[in-house]
PDB file of N, CA and C in Angstrom:
ATOM      1  N   MET A   1      -1.603  17.181  -7.899  1.00  0.00           N
ATOM      2  CA  MET A   1      -2.142  15.980  -7.277  1.00  0.00           C
ATOM      3  C   MET A   1      -3.349  16.373  -6.431  1.00  0.00           C
ATOM      4  N   SER A   2      -4.433  15.615  -6.555  1.00  0.00           N
ATOM      5  CA  SER A   2      -5.604  15.889  -5.733  1.00  0.00           C
ATOM      6  C   SER A   2      -5.580  14.980  -4.506  1.00  0.00           C
ATOM      7  N   LEU A   3      -6.175  15.453  -3.443  1.00  0.00           N
ATOM      8  CA  LEU A   3      -6.239  14.692  -2.202  1.00  0.00           C
ATOM      9  C   LEU A   3      -7.437  13.760  -2.245  1.00  0.00           C
ATOM     10  N   HIS A   4      -7.232  12.532  -1.790  1.00  0.00           N
ATOM     11  CA  HIS A   4      -8.296  11.541  -1.843  1.00  0.00           C
ATOM     12  C   HIS A   4      -8.778  11.123  -0.464  1.00  0.00           C
ATOM     13  N   TYR A   5      -7.928  11.193   0.551  1.00  0.00           N
ATOM     14  CA  TYR A   5      -8.243  10.580   1.833  1.00  0.00           C
ATOM     15  C   TYR A   5      -8.345  11.556   2.995  1.00  0.00           C
ATOM     16  N   ILE A   6      -7.872  12.761   2.836  1.00  0.00           N
ATOM     17  CA  ILE A   6      -7.948  13.739   3.921  1.00  0.00           C
ATOM     18  C   ILE A   6      -8.699  14.974   3.442  1.00  0.00           C
ATOM     19  N   LYS A   7      -9.208  15.718   4.386  1.00  0.00           N
ATOM     20  CA  LYS A   7      -9.889  16.973   4.080  1.00  0.00           C
ATOM     21  C   LYS A   7      -8.910  18.099   4.404  1.00  0.00           C
ATOM     22  N   ALA A   8      -8.403  18.746   3.366  1.00  0.00           N
ATOM     23  CA  ALA A   8      -7.353  19.753   3.514  1.00  0.00           C
ATOM     24  C   ALA A   8      -7.761  20.880   4.447  1.00  0.00           C
ATOM     25  N   SER A   9      -8.994  21.336   4.348  1.00  0.00           N
ATOM     26  CA  SER A   9      -9.416  22.476   5.166  1.00  0.00           C
ATOM     27  C   SER A   9      -9.372  22.140   6.652  1.00  0.00           C
ATOM     28  N   THR A  10      -9.703  20.927   7.012  1.00  0.00           N
ATOM     29  CA  THR A  10      -9.671  20.522   8.414  1.00  0.00           C
ATOM     30  C   THR A  10      -8.240  20.474   8.936  1.00  0.00           C
ATOM     31  N   VAL A  11      -7.325  19.933   8.149  1.00  0.00           N
ATOM     32  CA  VAL A  11      -5.923  19.871   8.548  1.00  0.00           C
ATOM     33  C   VAL A  11      -5.348  21.282   8.643  1.00  0.00           C
ATOM     34  N   LYS A  12      -5.697  22.132   7.686  1.00  0.00           N
ATOM     35  CA  LYS A  12      -5.210  23.519   7.708  1.00  0.00           C
ATOM     36  C   LYS A  12      -5.726  24.269   8.930  1.00  0.00           C
ATOM     37  N   LYS A  13      -6.990  24.069   9.297  1.00  0.00           N
ATOM     38  CA  LYS A  13      -7.552  24.718  10.481  1.00  0.00           C
ATOM     39  C   LYS A  13      -6.849  24.249  11.751  1.00  0.00           C
ATOM     40  N   LEU A  14      -6.553  22.969  11.835  1.00  0.00           N
ATOM     41  CA  LEU A  14      -5.840  22.438  12.996  1.00  0.00           C
ATOM     42  C   LEU A  14      -4.452  23.058  13.105  1.00  0.00           C
ATOM     43  N   ALA A  15      -3.743  23.103  11.993  1.00  0.00           N
ATOM     44  CA  ALA A  15      -2.412  23.708  11.982  1.00  0.00           C
ATOM     45  C   ALA A  15      -2.494  25.178  12.370  1.00  0.00           C
ATOM     46  N   ASN A  16      -3.506  25.881  11.859  1.00  0.00           N
ATOM     47  CA  ASN A  16      -3.674  27.301  12.142  1.00  0.00           C
ATOM     48  C   ASN A  16      -3.934  27.555  13.621  1.00  0.00           C
ATOM     49  N   ARG A  17      -4.712  26.679  14.257  1.00  0.00           N
ATOM     50  CA  ARG A  17      -4.975  26.829  15.697  1.00  0.00           C
ATOM     51  C   ARG A  17      -3.703  26.708  16.520  1.00  0.00           C
ATOM     52  N   HIS A  18      -2.688  26.083  15.954  1.00  0.00           N
ATOM     53  CA  HIS A  18      -1.410  25.917  16.636  1.00  0.00           C
ATOM     54  C   HIS A  18      -0.346  26.880  16.096  1.00  0.00           C
ATOM     55  N   GLY A  19      -0.797  27.877  15.346  1.00  0.00           N
ATOM     56  CA  GLY A  19       0.109  28.906  14.849  1.00  0.00           C
ATOM     57  C   GLY A  19       0.990  28.482  13.687  1.00  0.00           C
ATOM     58  N   LYS A  20       0.567  27.475  12.961  1.00  0.00           N
ATOM     59  CA  LYS A  20       1.333  26.966  11.816  1.00  0.00           C
ATOM     60  C   LYS A  20       0.465  26.971  10.572  1.00  0.00           C
ATOM     61  N   ARG A  21       1.101  26.722   9.437  1.00  0.00           N
ATOM     62  CA  ARG A  21       0.393  26.558   8.171  1.00  0.00           C
ATOM     63  C   ARG A  21       0.719  25.183   7.609  1.00  0.00           C
ATOM     64  N   ALA A  22      -0.239  24.590   6.936  1.00  0.00           N
ATOM     65  CA  ALA A  22      -0.041  23.295   6.285  1.00  0.00           C
ATOM     66  C   ALA A  22       0.084  23.545   4.785  1.00  0.00           C
ATOM     67  N   GLY A  23       1.273  23.322   4.252  1.00  0.00           N
ATOM     68  CA  GLY A  23       1.515  23.538   2.836  1.00  0.00           C
ATOM     69  C   GLY A  23       1.020  22.394   1.973  1.00  0.00           C
ATOM     70  N   LYS A  24       0.988  22.655   0.679  1.00  0.00           N
ATOM     71  CA  LYS A  24       0.506  21.668  -0.297  1.00  0.00           C
ATOM     72  C   LYS A  24       1.309  20.364  -0.214  1.00  0.00           C
ATOM     73  N   GLY A  25       2.626  20.482  -0.108  1.00  0.00           N
ATOM     74  CA  GLY A  25       3.468  19.285  -0.032  1.00  0.00           C
ATOM     75  C   GLY A  25       3.184  18.452   1.204  1.00  0.00           C
ATOM     76  N   PHE A  26       2.948  19.127   2.340  1.00  0.00           N
ATOM     77  CA  PHE A  26       2.622  18.412   3.575  1.00  0.00           C
ATOM     78  C   PHE A  26       1.303  17.667   3.426  1.00  0.00           C
ATOM     79  N   LEU A  27       0.303  18.343   2.887  1.00  0.00           N
ATOM     80  CA  LEU A  27      -1.012  17.724   2.722  1.00  0.00           C
ATOM     81  C   LEU A  27      -0.951  16.519   1.787  1.00  0.00           C
ATOM     82  N   GLU A  28      -0.184  16.638   0.725  1.00  0.00           N
ATOM     83  CA  GLU A  28      -0.037  15.513  -0.209  1.00  0.00           C
ATOM     84  C   GLU A  28       0.681  14.340   0.456  1.00  0.00           C
ATOM     85  N   ALA A  29       1.721  14.628   1.238  1.00  0.00           N
ATOM     86  CA  ALA A  29       2.448  13.574   1.935  1.00  0.00           C
ATOM     87  C   ALA A  29       1.556  12.893   2.967  1.00  0.00           C
ATOM     88  N   LEU A  30       0.753  13.676   3.677  1.00  0.00           N
ATOM     89  CA  LEU A  30      -0.173  13.112   4.659  1.00  0.00           C
ATOM     90  C   LEU A  30      -1.210  12.224   3.973  1.00  0.00           C
ATOM     91  N   ASP A  31      -1.702  12.644   2.836  1.00  0.00           N
ATOM     92  CA  ASP A  31      -2.662  11.858   2.068  1.00  0.00           C
ATOM     93  C   ASP A  31      -2.049  10.527   1.637  1.00  0.00           C
ATOM     94  N   ARG A  32      -0.794  10.566   1.169  1.00  0.00           N
ATOM     95  CA  ARG A  32      -0.106   9.323   0.771  1.00  0.00           C
ATOM     96  C   ARG A  32       0.108   8.408   1.975  1.00  0.00           C
ATOM     97  N   LEU A  33       0.416   8.987   3.138  1.00  0.00           N
ATOM     98  CA  LEU A  33       0.609   8.197   4.353  1.00  0.00           C
ATOM     99  C   LEU A  33      -0.683   7.475   4.731  1.00  0.00           C
ATOM    100  N   VAL A  34      -1.792   8.172   4.656  1.00  0.00           N
ATOM    101  CA  VAL A  34      -3.084   7.556   4.975  1.00  0.00           C
ATOM    102  C   VAL A  34      -3.341   6.387   4.033  1.00  0.00           C
ATOM    103  N   GLU A  35      -3.091   6.589   2.751  1.00  0.00           N
ATOM    104  CA  GLU A  35      -3.297   5.501   1.791  1.00  0.00           C
ATOM    105  C   GLU A  35      -2.413   4.296   2.115  1.00  0.00           C
ATOM    106  N   ARG A  36      -1.125   4.539   2.399  1.00  0.00           N
ATOM    107  CA  ARG A  36      -0.207   3.436   2.728  1.00  0.00           C
ATOM    108  C   ARG A  36      -0.665   2.676   3.964  1.00  0.00           C
ATOM    109  N   LYS A  37      -1.102   3.392   4.984  1.00  0.00           N
ATOM    110  CA  LYS A  37      -1.521   2.744   6.225  1.00  0.00           C
ATOM    111  C   LYS A  37      -2.800   1.933   6.027  1.00  0.00           C
ATOM    112  N   VAL A  38      -3.734   2.432   5.238  1.00  0.00           N
ATOM    113  CA  VAL A  38      -4.956   1.671   4.960  1.00  0.00           C
ATOM    114  C   VAL A  38      -4.617   0.411   4.165  1.00  0.00           C
ATOM    115  N   LEU A  39      -3.759   0.545   3.165  1.00  0.00           N
ATOM    116  CA  LEU A  39      -3.347  -0.632   2.392  1.00  0.00           C
ATOM    117  C   LEU A  39      -2.617  -1.646   3.267  1.00  0.00           C
ATOM    118  N   GLN A  40      -1.815  -1.156   4.190  1.00  0.00           N
ATOM    119  CA  GLN A  40      -1.111  -2.040   5.132  1.00  0.00           C
ATOM    120  C   GLN A  40      -2.130  -2.777   6.003  1.00  0.00           C
ATOM    121  N   ALA A  41      -3.156  -2.099   6.463  1.00  0.00           N
ATOM    122  CA  ALA A  41      -4.201  -2.727   7.278  1.00  0.00           C
ATOM    123  C   ALA A  41      -4.972  -3.766   6.468  1.00  0.00           C
ATOM    124  N   LEU A  42      -5.234  -3.461   5.213  1.00  0.00           N
ATOM    125  CA  LEU A  42      -5.954  -4.398   4.359  1.00  0.00           C
ATOM    126  C   LEU A  42      -5.152  -5.670   4.101  1.00  0.00           C
ATOM    127  N   ALA A  43      -3.842  -5.558   4.084  1.00  0.00           N
ATOM    128  CA  ALA A  43      -2.983  -6.718   3.831  1.00  0.00           C
ATOM    129  C   ALA A  43      -2.793  -7.586   5.075  1.00  0.00           C
ATOM    130  N   GLU A  44      -3.119  -7.063   6.239  1.00  0.00           N
ATOM    131  CA  GLU A  44      -2.949  -7.802   7.493  1.00  0.00           C
ATOM    132  C   GLU A  44      -4.034  -8.873   7.614  1.00  0.00           C
ATOM    133  N   HIS A  45      -3.665 -10.052   8.127  1.00  0.00           N
ATOM    134  CA  HIS A  45      -4.608 -11.174   8.231  1.00  0.00           C
ATOM    135  C   HIS A  45      -5.779 -10.858   9.164  1.00  0.00           C
ATOM    136  N   ASN A  46      -5.532 -10.429  10.376  1.00  0.00           N
ATOM    137  CA  ASN A  46      -6.537  -9.984  11.348  1.00  0.00           C
ATOM    138  C   ASN A  46      -7.619 -11.024  11.620  1.00  0.00           C
ATOM    139  N   GLY A  47      -7.245 -12.280  11.710  1.00  0.00           N
ATOM    140  CA  GLY A  47      -8.179 -13.339  12.110  1.00  0.00           C
ATOM    141  C   GLY A  47      -9.388 -13.515  11.213  1.00  0.00           C
ATOM    142  N   ASN A  48      -9.226 -13.360   9.926  1.00  0.00           N
ATOM    143  CA  ASN A  48     -10.309 -13.504   8.937  1.00  0.00           C
ATOM    144  C   ASN A  48     -11.445 -12.499   9.109  1.00  0.00           C
ATOM    145  N   LYS A  49     -11.227 -11.436   9.864  1.00  0.00           N
ATOM    146  CA  LYS A  49     -12.256 -10.405  10.007  1.00  0.00           C
ATOM    147  C   LYS A  49     -12.342  -9.594   8.715  1.00  0.00           C
ATOM    148  N   VAL A  50     -13.536  -9.180   8.379  1.00  0.00           N
ATOM    149  CA  VAL A  50     -13.753  -8.355   7.200  1.00  0.00           C
ATOM    150  C   VAL A  50     -13.631  -6.868   7.556  1.00  0.00           C
ATOM    151  N   THR A  51     -13.976  -6.538   8.789  1.00  0.00           N
ATOM    152  CA  THR A  51     -14.009  -5.151   9.229  1.00  0.00           C
ATOM    153  C   THR A  51     -12.660  -4.715   9.799  1.00  0.00           C
ATOM    154  N   LEU A  52     -12.209  -3.544   9.372  1.00  0.00           N
ATOM    155  CA  LEU A  52     -11.019  -2.945   9.976  1.00  0.00           C
ATOM    156  C   LEU A  52     -11.466  -2.329  11.295  1.00  0.00           C
ATOM    157  N   ASP A  53     -10.849  -2.755  12.408  1.00  0.00           N
ATOM    158  CA  ASP A  53     -11.313  -2.298  13.713  1.00  0.00           C
ATOM    159  C   ASP A  53     -10.232  -1.544  14.490  1.00  0.00           C
ATOM    160  N   GLU A  54     -10.577  -1.149  15.726  1.00  0.00           N
ATOM    161  CA  GLU A  54      -9.670  -0.352  16.551  1.00  0.00           C
ATOM    162  C   GLU A  54      -8.385  -1.108  16.876  1.00  0.00           C
ATOM    163  N   ALA A  55      -8.500  -2.410  17.118  1.00  0.00           N
ATOM    164  CA  ALA A  55      -7.322  -3.207  17.458  1.00  0.00           C
ATOM    165  C   ALA A  55      -6.337  -3.233  16.288  1.00  0.00           C
ATOM    166  N   LEU A  56      -6.855  -3.379  15.089  1.00  0.00           N
ATOM    167  CA  LEU A  56      -6.004  -3.382  13.907  1.00  0.00           C
ATOM    168  C   LEU A  56      -5.375  -2.005  13.704  1.00  0.00           C
ATOM    169  N   ALA A  57      -6.156  -0.960  13.922  1.00  0.00           N
ATOM    170  CA  ALA A  57      -5.627   0.404  13.809  1.00  0.00           C
ATOM    171  C   ALA A  57      -4.493   0.622  14.802  1.00  0.00           C
ATOM    172  N   ALA A  58      -4.679   0.153  16.029  1.00  0.00           N
ATOM    173  CA  ALA A  58      -3.634   0.301  17.038  1.00  0.00           C
ATOM    174  C   ALA A  58      -2.373  -0.449  16.624  1.00  0.00           C
ATOM    175  N   TYR A  59      -2.545  -1.625  16.050  1.00  0.00           N
ATOM    176  CA  TYR A  59      -1.396  -2.432  15.611  1.00  0.00           C
ATOM    177  C   TYR A  59      -0.671  -1.739  14.444  1.00  0.00           C
ATOM    178  N   ILE A  60      -1.400  -1.295  13.458  1.00  0.00           N
ATOM    179  CA  ILE A  60      -0.819  -0.699  12.256  1.00  0.00           C
ATOM    180  C   ILE A  60      -0.236   0.672  12.546  1.00  0.00           C
ATOM    181  N   LEU A  61      -0.941   1.469  13.344  1.00  0.00           N
ATOM    182  CA  LEU A  61      -0.518   2.841  13.602  1.00  0.00           C
ATOM    183  C   LEU A  61       0.421   2.963  14.796  1.00  0.00           C
ATOM    184  N   GLY A  62       0.580   1.887  15.550  1.00  0.00           N
ATOM    185  CA  GLY A  62       1.497   1.910  16.669  1.00  0.00           C
ATOM    186  C   GLY A  62       0.933   2.589  17.903  1.00  0.00           C
ATOM    187  N   ASN A  63      -0.386   2.748  17.975  1.00  0.00           N
ATOM    188  CA  ASN A  63      -1.014   3.341  19.153  1.00  0.00           C
ATOM    189  C   ASN A  63      -1.231   2.278  20.202  1.00  0.00           C
ATOM    190  N   LYS A  64      -1.195   2.681  21.413  1.00  0.00           N
ATOM    191  CA  LYS A  64      -1.415   1.737  22.506  1.00  0.00           C
ATOM    192  C   LYS A  64      -2.781   1.926  23.092  1.00  0.00           C
TER     193      LYS A  64
END
């Protein structure tokens, strides 16, 4: 499976800075999660806005 939404080298570097490794399965799962969350945001009404914004990201991702 190829990654479409994340940059593997960046995720691997982040994991490495914390003394961990990011395996192929983790990267693929993270890529699928990003796709699901974007699709979830696209399905949200969001007041007829065309642009996905910070407020929608906070709602979908659960950030405050």
